[in-house]
């Protein structure tokens, strides 16, 4: 069963999330692909919508192979197994980390993110899927530092192992479709184009961000 697109996935995820009781919920869409999913979730829950940015750190010469992630502030998170497998040290990745941190800051500025204070609220970090979980882990760590009442990771589809690992980081992981044979998020969508900054801004605007 494939999702038609991210909005469809968001509606499926929203149905799963409506079964829970939420206290003053704040939905954080992981930019960029998580935002269209988060938009549907926030609409269904009557929640505020904001954006979280975590950037994948790619392996040297293989940028699509994520070995870690970094947010606009804070230390990077690395996947120790991936580093060992590639024989790469965190020091080797310092220039990439700096570059991705700068890009994270740029995006937060563009989206004017962070206008909702997560303290004392149920915070739901939403992405379009969970493969390795390294960017989600970085986003959760940053959200946790803001002192939410409860920290939730919500994804329409995820790799079983990543869901299990992140259950130790978030207070709750909600994932309606878990798959052991995951490979890539795009497999589970009929339409999986890149989400643009313009689309993110349009969704935030629809949700009353001005």
Protein backbone atom coordinates (compact mmCIF):
# COMPACT_ATOMS: atom_id res chain seq x y z
CA UNK A 1 0.00 0.00 0.00
CA UNK A 2 1.63 3.25 -1.13
CA UNK A 3 0.64 6.72 -0.01
CA UNK A 4 -0.52 8.94 -2.89
CA UNK A 5 1.66 11.81 -1.62
CA UNK A 6 2.76 13.44 1.64
CA UNK A 7 -0.67 14.97 2.32
CA UNK A 8 -2.28 11.53 2.04
CA UNK A 9 0.38 10.12 4.41
CA UNK A 10 -0.35 12.98 6.81
CA UNK A 11 -4.04 12.11 6.89
CA UNK A 12 -3.26 8.44 7.62
CA UNK A 13 -0.90 9.50 10.41
CA UNK A 14 -3.45 11.97 11.79
CA UNK A 15 -6.01 9.15 12.17
CA UNK A 16 -3.50 7.18 14.26
CA UNK A 17 -2.73 10.25 16.40
CA UNK A 18 -6.37 11.15 17.06
CA UNK A 19 -6.68 8.08 19.28
CA UNK A 20 -4.52 9.81 21.93
CA UNK A 21 -5.29 12.65 24.33
CA UNK A 22 -3.07 15.69 23.69
CA UNK A 23 -2.23 18.61 25.97
CA UNK A 24 -1.77 21.90 24.09
CA UNK A 25 -0.09 20.08 21.17
CA UNK A 26 2.63 21.64 19.01
CA UNK A 27 3.46 19.89 15.74
CA UNK A 28 7.00 20.33 14.40
CA UNK A 29 7.41 19.33 10.77
CA UNK A 30 10.93 18.25 9.87
CA UNK A 31 11.91 20.47 6.96
CA UNK A 32 11.33 20.06 4.28
CA UNK A 33 9.55 16.78 3.50
CA UNK A 34 7.97 16.43 6.92
CA UNK A 35 6.11 19.74 6.70
CA UNK A 36 3.30 18.68 4.30
CA UNK A 37 2.72 15.63 6.56
CA UNK A 38 2.81 17.78 9.70
CA UNK A 39 0.37 20.27 8.15
CA UNK A 40 -2.32 17.55 7.90
CA UNK A 41 -1.59 16.35 11.44
CA UNK A 42 -1.79 19.86 12.92
CA UNK A 43 -5.06 20.54 11.09
CA UNK A 44 -6.60 17.29 12.35
CA UNK A 45 -5.49 17.83 15.96
CA UNK A 46 -6.22 21.56 16.01
CA UNK A 47 -2.57 22.05 16.95
CA UNK A 48 -0.04 24.81 16.29
CA UNK A 49 2.40 24.10 13.44
CA UNK A 50 6.08 24.98 13.39
CA UNK A 51 9.22 23.72 11.68
CA UNK A 52 12.23 21.79 12.93
CA UNK A 53 15.40 21.59 10.86
CA UNK A 54 17.92 18.76 11.12
CA UNK A 55 20.45 18.30 8.31
CA UNK A 56 21.90 14.98 7.26
CA UNK A 57 25.69 14.73 7.35
CA UNK A 58 26.80 12.78 4.29
CA UNK A 59 29.83 10.51 4.03
CA UNK A 60 32.88 11.98 2.29
CA UNK A 61 32.34 11.57 -1.45
CA UNK A 62 28.95 9.92 -0.82
CA UNK A 63 26.68 12.76 0.33
CA UNK A 64 23.52 10.65 0.01
CA UNK A 65 24.88 8.17 2.59
CA UNK A 66 23.90 9.77 5.90
CA UNK A 67 26.35 9.11 8.73
CA UNK A 68 25.01 11.73 11.10
CA UNK A 69 22.85 14.82 11.51
CA UNK A 70 23.11 18.29 12.96
CA UNK A 71 20.67 21.02 13.97
CA UNK A 72 21.27 24.80 13.95
CA UNK A 73 22.65 24.59 17.48
CA UNK A 74 24.20 21.78 19.47
CA UNK A 75 26.67 19.03 18.72
CA UNK A 76 26.22 16.72 15.74
CA UNK A 77 24.90 13.20 16.24
CA UNK A 78 26.78 10.41 14.45
CA UNK A 79 25.85 6.85 13.58
CA UNK A 80 28.81 5.02 15.14
CA UNK A 81 28.27 1.91 13.02
CA UNK A 82 28.30 3.89 9.77
CA UNK A 83 31.50 5.72 10.79
CA UNK A 84 33.21 2.44 11.68
CA UNK A 85 32.05 0.83 8.44
CA UNK A 86 33.50 3.74 6.40
CA UNK A 87 36.61 4.17 8.56
CA UNK A 88 35.77 7.86 9.03
CA UNK A 89 36.19 9.91 12.21
CA UNK A 90 33.98 12.80 13.34
CA UNK A 91 36.98 15.12 12.82
CA UNK A 92 37.03 14.17 9.12
CA UNK A 93 33.47 15.42 8.87
CA UNK A 94 33.95 18.77 10.62
CA UNK A 95 33.75 20.87 7.40
CA UNK A 96 30.55 19.08 6.33
CA UNK A 97 29.06 19.55 9.80
CA UNK A 98 29.77 23.29 9.67
CA UNK A 99 28.24 23.57 6.20
CA UNK A 100 25.07 21.70 7.19
CA UNK A 101 24.75 23.69 10.42
CA UNK A 102 24.88 26.90 8.37
CA UNK A 103 22.21 25.55 6.03
CA UNK A 104 20.05 24.62 9.05
CA UNK A 105 20.36 28.19 10.36
CA UNK A 106 19.52 29.61 6.95
CA UNK A 107 16.36 27.52 6.75
CA UNK A 108 15.22 28.43 10.26
CA UNK A 109 15.58 32.08 9.24
CA UNK A 110 13.68 31.57 5.98
CA UNK A 111 10.82 29.78 7.76
CA UNK A 112 10.96 32.14 10.76
CA UNK A 113 10.72 29.01 12.85
CA UNK A 114 10.56 28.89 16.62
CA UNK A 115 7.68 31.26 17.22
CA UNK A 116 5.87 28.66 19.35
CA UNK A 117 7.43 27.83 22.71
CA UNK A 118 7.44 24.03 23.22
CA UNK A 119 7.87 24.25 27.02
CA UNK A 120 5.24 22.30 28.94
CA UNK A 121 3.40 21.20 25.78
CA UNK A 122 2.98 17.90 23.98
CA UNK A 123 5.44 18.24 21.11
CA UNK A 124 5.02 16.00 18.05
CA UNK A 125 8.03 15.83 15.72
CA UNK A 126 6.71 14.73 12.31
CA UNK A 127 8.61 13.50 9.25
CA UNK A 128 7.57 11.80 5.99
CA UNK A 129 9.28 8.56 6.97
CA UNK A 130 11.95 7.03 9.19
CA UNK A 131 14.83 5.20 7.51
CA UNK A 132 18.00 5.35 9.65
CA UNK A 133 16.44 7.77 12.13
CA UNK A 134 19.56 9.89 12.51
CA UNK A 135 17.95 13.23 11.48
CA UNK A 136 14.90 12.47 13.63
CA UNK A 137 17.19 11.75 16.59
CA UNK A 138 18.92 15.15 16.18
CA UNK A 139 15.55 16.93 15.94
CA UNK A 140 14.21 15.10 19.02
CA UNK A 141 17.27 15.98 21.06
CA UNK A 142 16.85 19.67 20.20
CA UNK A 143 13.10 19.58 20.97
CA UNK A 144 13.75 17.80 24.29
CA UNK A 145 16.06 20.63 25.39
CA UNK A 146 13.12 23.06 25.18
CA UNK A 147 11.34 21.24 28.03
CA UNK A 148 8.19 19.75 26.45
CA UNK A 149 5.61 18.01 28.62
CA UNK A 150 5.78 14.97 26.35
CA UNK A 151 7.96 14.38 23.28
CA UNK A 152 6.49 12.31 20.45
CA UNK A 153 7.90 11.17 17.12
CA UNK A 154 5.16 10.62 14.51
CA UNK A 155 5.88 9.20 11.05
CA UNK A 156 3.54 7.54 8.52
CA UNK A 157 6.05 4.80 7.71
CA UNK A 158 9.28 3.63 9.31
CA UNK A 159 11.94 0.96 9.49
CA UNK A 160 11.22 -1.37 12.43
CA UNK A 161 14.73 -1.06 13.83
CA UNK A 162 14.73 2.76 13.71
CA UNK A 163 11.29 2.89 15.36
CA UNK A 164 12.60 0.66 18.16
CA UNK A 165 15.77 2.73 18.65
CA UNK A 166 13.91 6.05 18.72
CA UNK A 167 11.40 4.71 21.25
CA UNK A 168 14.27 5.15 23.71
CA UNK A 169 14.69 8.82 22.70
CA UNK A 170 11.06 9.96 22.41
CA UNK A 171 8.39 9.31 25.05
CA UNK A 172 6.23 7.80 22.33
CA UNK A 173 6.72 6.82 18.68
CA UNK A 174 3.61 6.60 16.48
CA UNK A 175 4.16 4.84 13.15
CA UNK A 176 1.07 3.31 11.46
CA UNK A 177 3.15 1.37 8.91
CA UNK A 178 6.29 -0.31 10.18
CA UNK A 179 8.42 -2.32 7.79
CA UNK A 180 11.41 -4.56 8.46
CA UNK A 181 12.48 -4.46 4.77
CA UNK A 182 12.60 -0.70 4.51
CA UNK A 183 15.33 0.47 2.09
CA UNK A 184 14.04 4.01 1.38
CA UNK A 185 11.16 6.32 2.29
CA UNK A 186 10.38 7.11 -1.37
CA UNK A 187 9.32 3.49 -2.01
CA UNK A 188 6.19 4.05 0.05
CA UNK A 189 4.94 7.03 -1.96
CA UNK A 190 3.52 7.31 -5.46
CA UNK A 191 4.51 10.99 -5.57
CA UNK A 192 7.66 11.88 -3.67
CA UNK A 193 9.03 15.09 -5.18
CA UNK A 194 11.37 17.38 -3.30
CA UNK A 195 9.42 19.79 -1.10
CA UNK A 196 10.53 23.38 -1.77
CA UNK A 197 11.06 26.29 0.64
CA UNK A 198 8.13 28.02 -1.10
CA UNK A 199 5.81 25.07 -0.33
CA UNK A 200 6.92 25.03 3.31
CA UNK A 201 6.20 28.77 3.63
CA UNK A 202 2.81 28.40 1.94
CA UNK A 203 1.78 25.62 4.37
CA UNK A 204 2.92 27.65 7.39
CA UNK A 205 0.97 30.64 6.09
CA UNK A 206 -2.18 28.56 5.65
CA UNK A 207 -1.74 27.58 9.26
CA UNK A 208 -1.75 31.14 10.49
CA UNK A 209 1.97 31.90 10.52
CA UNK A 210 2.36 35.53 9.50
